[in-house]
Amino acid sequence: MSEALAEAVARVWPDGRSTWEVLGGGITNHNVKVTRPNGVVVLRVAGKDTDLLGINRTVELAATRAAAEVGVGPEVVDFVEPEGWLVTRFVEGSNPPPETLREPEQLRRVSAQAHDLEAETLEEARQTLAEQDVVVRHDHARGARAHRPIIS
C-alpha cells in the first residue's frame, strides 16, 4: 500500500518537495499526513471499490466543508478529481479522554456543534443530491446508463 500512497502523493504534488507519513484510523480511506514547504495537509485517498458502498465523495466534500465552517473540522484545501481524494489542513491535536467528554459543559459544547453541523451538512447534501439528480435524469433521458443517487 505504501507504493500506492507514494504514487498518490506524487500525483497531487509532482514537484517532489513532499514528505509524508501514513495516519491511522481510516476505515474506507487511507489518510496521509503530507508536509509541504508551505504547510502540512492530510490527503484522504479513497479505498478500492468504496463507491460500491454508496459513498458519495461529492457529498463527503460538502460535509467536510460544512464541518470546517462551524469549527468542528479542518479546512478543505483541495478536492482531487476524478479520484475523489480530499486534501485538508492538518490539525495537531489529541482525542479527549471519555471522562472529559462526560463533563456537562463539554456535552453542551459538543451537542451544539453537532446540531449546527447537521443542519448545514444536510442542506448542502440535499442541494448536491438535487443537482446530481438533475444530471442523472438528463443522462437517462439521453439514453445513457445512469443510476439515481442513494439517499440513506
C-alpha atoms as a PDB file:
ATOM      1  CA  MET A   1       0.000   0.000   0.000  1.00  0.00           C
ATOM      2  CA  SER A   2       2.909   2.360   0.672  1.00  0.00           C
ATOM      3  CA  GLU A   3       3.802   2.370  -3.008  1.00  0.00           C
ATOM      4  CA  ALA A   4       0.248   3.309  -3.979  1.00  0.00           C
ATOM      5  CA  LEU A   5       0.229   6.118  -1.403  1.00  0.00           C
ATOM      6  CA  ALA A   6       3.608   7.378  -2.635  1.00  0.00           C
ATOM      7  CA  GLU A   7       2.128   7.485  -6.142  1.00  0.00           C
ATOM      8  CA  ALA A   8      -0.915   9.367  -4.843  1.00  0.00           C
ATOM      9  CA  VAL A   9       1.272  11.984  -3.146  1.00  0.00           C
ATOM     10  CA  ALA A  10       3.358  12.330  -6.324  1.00  0.00           C
ATOM     11  CA  ARG A  11       0.161  12.670  -8.402  1.00  0.00           C
ATOM     12  CA  VAL A  12      -1.099  15.573  -6.283  1.00  0.00           C
ATOM     13  CA  TRP A  13       2.304  17.222  -5.714  1.00  0.00           C
ATOM     14  CA  PRO A  14       4.576  16.219  -8.629  1.00  0.00           C
ATOM     15  CA  ASP A  15       7.390  18.641  -7.687  1.00  0.00           C
ATOM     16  CA  GLY A  16       8.975  16.081  -5.326  1.00  0.00           C
ATOM     17  CA  ARG A  17       9.006  18.535  -2.398  1.00  0.00           C
ATOM     18  CA  SER A  18       6.746  16.475  -0.119  1.00  0.00           C
ATOM     19  CA  THR A  19       7.446  14.217   2.806  1.00  0.00           C
ATOM     20  CA  TRP A  20       4.654  12.046   4.086  1.00  0.00           C
ATOM     21  CA  GLU A  21       3.577   9.528   6.689  1.00  0.00           C
ATOM     22  CA  VAL A  22       0.550   7.294   6.982  1.00  0.00           C
ATOM     23  CA  LEU A  23      -2.018   8.253   9.628  1.00  0.00           C
ATOM     24  CA  GLY A  24      -4.152   5.558  11.221  1.00  0.00           C
ATOM     25  CA  GLY A  25      -7.867   5.448  11.747  1.00  0.00           C
ATOM     26  CA  GLY A  26      -9.290   5.199   8.231  1.00  0.00           C
ATOM     27  CA  ILE A  27     -11.931   2.574   7.524  1.00  0.00           C
ATOM     28  CA  THR A  28     -12.755   3.358   3.889  1.00  0.00           C
ATOM     29  CA  ASN A  29      -9.868   5.771   3.265  1.00  0.00           C
ATOM     30  CA  HIS A  30      -6.114   5.883   3.618  1.00  0.00           C
ATOM     31  CA  ASN A  31      -5.056   9.083   5.386  1.00  0.00           C
ATOM     32  CA  VAL A  32      -1.632  10.532   4.682  1.00  0.00           C
ATOM     33  CA  LYS A  33      -0.011  13.459   6.501  1.00  0.00           C
ATOM     34  CA  VAL A  34       1.878  15.410   3.838  1.00  0.00           C
ATOM     35  CA  THR A  35       4.451  18.062   4.745  1.00  0.00           C
ATOM     36  CA  ARG A  36       4.966  20.685   2.066  1.00  0.00           C
ATOM     37  CA  PRO A  37       7.147  23.817   2.033  1.00  0.00           C
ATOM     38  CA  ASN A  38       4.011  25.925   2.647  1.00  0.00           C
ATOM     39  CA  GLY A  39       2.368  23.804   5.334  1.00  0.00           C
ATOM     40  CA  VAL A  40       1.056  20.444   6.439  1.00  0.00           C
ATOM     41  CA  VAL A  41      -2.050  18.801   4.980  1.00  0.00           C
ATOM     42  CA  VAL A  42      -3.854  15.480   5.048  1.00  0.00           C
ATOM     43  CA  LEU A  43      -4.546  13.608   1.818  1.00  0.00           C
ATOM     44  CA  ARG A  44      -7.505  11.226   2.100  1.00  0.00           C
ATOM     45  CA  VAL A  45      -7.165   8.580  -0.572  1.00  0.00           C
ATOM     46  CA  ALA A  46     -10.379   6.648  -1.171  1.00  0.00           C
ATOM     47  CA  GLY A  47     -10.077   2.919  -0.634  1.00  0.00           C
ATOM     48  CA  LYS A  48     -10.540   0.496  -3.508  1.00  0.00           C
ATOM     49  CA  ASP A  49     -14.155  -0.001  -4.614  1.00  0.00           C
ATOM     50  CA  THR A  50     -15.595   2.238  -1.865  1.00  0.00           C
ATOM     51  CA  ASP A  51     -18.041   3.550  -4.463  1.00  0.00           C
ATOM     52  CA  LEU A  52     -19.718   0.130  -4.195  1.00  0.00           C
ATOM     53  CA  LEU A  53     -20.575   1.028  -0.585  1.00  0.00           C
ATOM     54  CA  GLY A  54     -22.609   4.013  -1.770  1.00  0.00           C
ATOM     55  CA  ILE A  55     -20.035   6.548  -0.562  1.00  0.00           C
ATOM     56  CA  ASN A  56     -20.562   9.768  -2.467  1.00  0.00           C
ATOM     57  CA  ARG A  57     -17.313  11.747  -2.395  1.00  0.00           C
ATOM     58  CA  THR A  58     -19.055  14.954  -3.519  1.00  0.00           C
ATOM     59  CA  VAL A  59     -21.394  14.770  -0.525  1.00  0.00           C
ATOM     60  CA  GLU A  60     -18.408  13.940   1.700  1.00  0.00           C
ATOM     61  CA  LEU A  61     -16.710  17.099   0.387  1.00  0.00           C
ATOM     62  CA  ALA A  62     -19.787  19.192   1.221  1.00  0.00           C
ATOM     63  CA  ALA A  63     -19.958  17.665   4.714  1.00  0.00           C
ATOM     64  CA  THR A  64     -16.261  18.338   5.341  1.00  0.00           C
ATOM     65  CA  ARG A  65     -16.637  21.972   4.228  1.00  0.00           C
ATOM     66  CA  ALA A  66     -19.682  22.381   6.476  1.00  0.00           C
ATOM     67  CA  ALA A  67     -17.770  20.900   9.427  1.00  0.00           C
ATOM     68  CA  ALA A  68     -14.936  23.380   8.842  1.00  0.00           C
ATOM     69  CA  GLU A  69     -17.381  26.298   8.658  1.00  0.00           C
ATOM     70  CA  VAL A  70     -18.834  25.534  12.098  1.00  0.00           C
ATOM     71  CA  GLY A  71     -15.437  24.854  13.638  1.00  0.00           C
ATOM     72  CA  VAL A  72     -15.511  21.087  14.085  1.00  0.00           C
ATOM     73  CA  GLY A  73     -13.406  20.041  11.106  1.00  0.00           C
ATOM     74  CA  PRO A  74     -10.291  21.043   9.178  1.00  0.00           C
ATOM     75  CA  GLU A  75     -10.273  23.498   6.274  1.00  0.00           C
ATOM     76  CA  VAL A  76     -10.657  21.906   2.838  1.00  0.00           C
ATOM     77  CA  VAL A  77      -7.615  22.769   0.722  1.00  0.00           C
ATOM     78  CA  ASP A  78      -8.373  20.804  -2.444  1.00  0.00           C
ATOM     79  CA  PHE A  79     -10.516  18.074  -3.958  1.00  0.00           C
ATOM     80  CA  VAL A  80      -8.707  15.864  -6.474  1.00  0.00           C
ATOM     81  CA  GLU A  81     -10.868  14.637  -9.322  1.00  0.00           C
ATOM     82  CA  PRO A  82     -11.705  12.203 -10.767  1.00  0.00           C
ATOM     83  CA  GLU A  83     -10.315  10.176  -7.846  1.00  0.00           C
ATOM     84  CA  GLY A  84     -12.394  11.964  -5.213  1.00  0.00           C
ATOM     85  CA  TRP A  85      -9.401  12.476  -2.921  1.00  0.00           C
ATOM     86  CA  LEU A  86      -9.794  15.124  -0.253  1.00  0.00           C
ATOM     87  CA  VAL A  87      -6.980  17.430   0.908  1.00  0.00           C
ATOM     88  CA  THR A  88      -7.494  19.205   4.238  1.00  0.00           C
ATOM     89  CA  ARG A  89      -5.306  21.215   6.595  1.00  0.00           C
ATOM     90  CA  PHE A  90      -3.568  19.077   9.182  1.00  0.00           C
ATOM     91  CA  VAL A  91      -4.801  19.864  12.676  1.00  0.00           C
ATOM     92  CA  GLU A  92      -2.495  18.943  15.532  1.00  0.00           C
ATOM     93  CA  GLY A  93      -4.486  17.546  18.391  1.00  0.00           C
ATOM     94  CA  SER A  94      -5.431  14.615  20.525  1.00  0.00           C
ATOM     95  CA  ASN A  95      -8.578  12.696  21.366  1.00  0.00           C
ATOM     96  CA  PRO A  96     -10.012  13.836  24.686  1.00  0.00           C
ATOM     97  CA  PRO A  97     -10.482  11.104  27.272  1.00  0.00           C
ATOM     98  CA  PRO A  98     -14.073   9.892  27.771  1.00  0.00           C
ATOM     99  CA  GLU A  99     -14.304  11.393  31.270  1.00  0.00           C
ATOM    100  CA  THR A 100     -13.642  14.870  29.819  1.00  0.00           C
ATOM    101  CA  LEU A 101     -16.414  14.425  27.271  1.00  0.00           C
ATOM    102  CA  ARG A 102     -18.828  13.469  30.069  1.00  0.00           C
ATOM    103  CA  GLU A 103     -18.444  16.859  31.765  1.00  0.00           C
ATOM    104  CA  PRO A 104     -21.695  18.899  31.439  1.00  0.00           C
ATOM    105  CA  GLU A 105     -20.018  21.883  29.731  1.00  0.00           C
ATOM    106  CA  GLN A 106     -18.279  19.627  27.201  1.00  0.00           C
ATOM    107  CA  LEU A 107     -21.541  17.786  26.477  1.00  0.00           C
ATOM    108  CA  ARG A 108     -23.311  21.117  25.823  1.00  0.00           C
ATOM    109  CA  ARG A 109     -20.463  22.305  23.574  1.00  0.00           C
ATOM    110  CA  VAL A 110     -20.284  19.087  21.532  1.00  0.00           C
ATOM    111  CA  SER A 111     -24.074  18.889  21.247  1.00  0.00           C
ATOM    112  CA  ALA A 112     -24.363  22.483  19.986  1.00  0.00           C
ATOM    113  CA  GLN A 113     -21.619  21.979  17.403  1.00  0.00           C
ATOM    114  CA  ALA A 114     -23.112  18.686  16.224  1.00  0.00           C
ATOM    115  CA  HIS A 115     -26.510  20.361  15.813  1.00  0.00           C
ATOM    116  CA  ASP A 116     -25.015  23.221  13.767  1.00  0.00           C
ATOM    117  CA  LEU A 117     -23.028  20.774  11.654  1.00  0.00           C
ATOM    118  CA  GLU A 118     -26.036  18.556  10.993  1.00  0.00           C
ATOM    119  CA  ALA A 119     -28.199  21.467   9.829  1.00  0.00           C
ATOM    120  CA  GLU A 120     -25.509  22.825   7.474  1.00  0.00           C
ATOM    121  CA  THR A 121     -24.453  19.407   6.181  1.00  0.00           C
ATOM    122  CA  LEU A 122     -27.989  18.254   5.474  1.00  0.00           C
ATOM    123  CA  GLU A 123     -28.773  21.390   3.476  1.00  0.00           C
ATOM    124  CA  GLU A 124     -25.580  21.109   1.409  1.00  0.00           C
ATOM    125  CA  ALA A 125     -26.121  17.374   0.912  1.00  0.00           C
ATOM    126  CA  ARG A 126     -29.713  17.964  -0.237  1.00  0.00           C
ATOM    127  CA  GLN A 127     -28.550  20.602  -2.701  1.00  0.00           C
ATOM    128  CA  THR A 128     -25.738  18.378  -4.042  1.00  0.00           C
ATOM    129  CA  LEU A 129     -28.033  15.375  -4.395  1.00  0.00           C
ATOM    130  CA  ALA A 130     -30.674  17.504  -6.118  1.00  0.00           C
ATOM    131  CA  GLU A 131     -28.048  18.723  -8.612  1.00  0.00           C
ATOM    132  CA  GLN A 132     -26.878  15.146  -9.212  1.00  0.00           C
ATOM    133  CA  ASP A 133     -30.456  14.006  -9.684  1.00  0.00           C
ATOM    134  CA  VAL A 134     -30.911  16.585 -12.452  1.00  0.00           C
ATOM    135  CA  VAL A 135     -27.761  15.291 -14.183  1.00  0.00           C
ATOM    136  CA  VAL A 136     -28.872  11.669 -13.786  1.00  0.00           C
ATOM    137  CA  ARG A 137     -32.320  12.412 -15.204  1.00  0.00           C
ATOM    138  CA  HIS A 138     -30.748  14.294 -18.117  1.00  0.00           C
ATOM    139  CA  ASP A 139     -28.347  11.400 -18.837  1.00  0.00           C
ATOM    140  CA  HIS A 140     -31.192   8.903 -18.557  1.00  0.00           C
ATOM    141  CA  ALA A 141     -33.293  10.922 -20.974  1.00  0.00           C
ATOM    142  CA  ARG A 142     -30.392  10.815 -23.443  1.00  0.00           C
ATOM    143  CA  GLY A 143     -30.255   7.041 -23.083  1.00  0.00           C
ATOM    144  CA  ALA A 144     -27.062   6.928 -21.063  1.00  0.00           C
ATOM    145  CA  ARG A 145     -26.710   4.264 -18.419  1.00  0.00           C
ATOM    146  CA  ALA A 146     -27.108   6.102 -15.128  1.00  0.00           C
ATOM    147  CA  HIS A 147     -28.018   5.354 -11.547  1.00  0.00           C
ATOM    148  CA  ARG A 148     -30.006   7.516  -9.183  1.00  0.00           C
ATOM    149  CA  PRO A 149     -28.138   8.626  -6.075  1.00  0.00           C
ATOM    150  CA  ILE A 150     -28.776   6.556  -2.980  1.00  0.00           C
ATOM    151  CA  ILE A 151     -30.196   8.546  -0.091  1.00  0.00           C
ATOM    152  CA  SER A 152     -29.969   6.862   3.258  1.00  0.00           C
END
